[in-house]
Protein backbone atom coordinates (compact mmCIF):
# COMPACT_ATOMS: atom_id res chain seq x y z
CA MET A 1 -18.79 -4.75 6.78
CA ASP A 2 -15.15 -3.74 7.27
CA LEU A 3 -13.82 -3.43 10.94
CA MET A 4 -11.35 -0.86 10.22
CA GLU A 5 -10.39 1.16 7.11
CA ILE A 6 -7.61 3.75 6.77
CA THR A 7 -7.28 5.91 3.62
CA GLU A 8 -4.50 8.21 3.12
CA LYS A 9 -4.00 10.49 0.32
CA GLU A 10 -1.13 12.98 -0.40
CA ARG A 11 0.77 14.58 -3.24
CA LEU A 12 4.33 13.00 -3.39
CA SER A 13 7.15 13.57 -5.73
CA ARG A 14 7.78 10.51 -7.92
CA GLU A 15 10.77 9.74 -5.77
CA ASP A 16 9.12 9.98 -2.47
CA ALA A 17 6.28 7.71 -3.91
CA ALA A 18 8.71 5.15 -4.75
CA ALA A 19 10.63 5.25 -1.58
CA ARG A 20 7.27 4.53 0.14
CA LEU A 21 6.62 1.53 -2.26
CA HIS A 22 10.24 0.33 -1.79
CA ALA A 23 9.59 0.51 2.03
CA LEU A 24 6.36 -1.45 1.89
CA ALA A 25 7.92 -4.13 -0.66
CA ASP A 26 11.00 -4.46 1.86
CA ALA A 27 8.77 -4.99 4.59
CA LEU A 28 6.64 -7.66 2.87
CA ALA A 29 9.75 -9.53 1.95
CA ARG A 30 11.25 -9.67 5.27
CA HIS A 31 8.50 -10.12 7.34
CA ASN A 32 4.79 -11.78 7.58
CA GLU A 33 3.54 -8.29 9.05
CA VAL A 34 3.57 -4.48 8.06
CA GLU A 35 3.65 -1.70 10.36
CA PHE A 36 1.99 1.57 9.68
CA GLU A 37 1.93 4.54 12.16
CA ARG A 38 -0.95 7.02 11.81
CA GLY A 39 -2.26 9.66 13.84
CA GLY A 40 0.35 8.55 16.71
CA LEU A 41 -1.12 5.26 16.96
CA ARG A 42 0.90 2.03 15.63
CA PHE A 43 -1.05 -0.59 13.42
CA THR A 44 0.30 -4.06 12.66
CA VAL A 45 -1.04 -6.06 9.66
CA HIS A 46 -0.43 -9.70 9.44
CA VAL A 47 0.41 -10.64 6.01
CA PRO A 48 0.37 -14.30 4.83
CA ASP A 49 2.85 -16.39 2.69
CA GLU A 50 0.33 -15.94 -0.29
CA VAL A 51 -1.51 -13.12 -1.35
CA ASP A 52 -3.24 -12.20 -4.49
CA PHE A 53 -2.09 -9.72 -6.12
CA LYS A 54 -3.83 -7.02 -8.72
CA LEU A 55 -2.25 -4.37 -10.64
CA GLU A 56 -4.55 -2.03 -12.65
CA ILE A 57 -3.68 0.71 -15.06
CA GLU A 58 -6.16 3.17 -16.32
CA ILE A 59 -5.64 5.89 -18.77
CA GLY A 60 -7.99 8.72 -19.57
CA GLU A 61 -7.88 12.26 -21.40
CA ASP A 62 -6.69 13.90 -18.35
CA GLU A 63 -5.79 11.55 -15.79
CA ARG A 64 -3.42 8.27 -15.44
CA GLU A 65 -3.68 5.87 -12.64
CA LEU A 66 -1.89 2.96 -11.48
CA GLU A 67 -3.39 0.76 -8.55
CA VAL A 68 -1.68 -2.03 -6.93
CA GLU A 69 -3.87 -4.06 -4.39
CA LEU A 70 -2.95 -6.92 -2.23
CA LYS A 71 -5.67 -9.21 -0.98
CA TRP A 72 -5.73 -12.18 1.39
């Protein structure tokens, strides 16, 4: 059972999506935790030195999907 799950979906320009990915990558590279702010609340997620990394690409007739997952 999940203790907490936060899902966020929004439409962004390719450049804005890249900027968010860069910010997340920079935080992962510099710190052992990542901070998120949603709805006025700040969440801190501890990230260990090693994580499981999954990259999934799905190509359909009408839609493409690129999914990146980090798990520990």
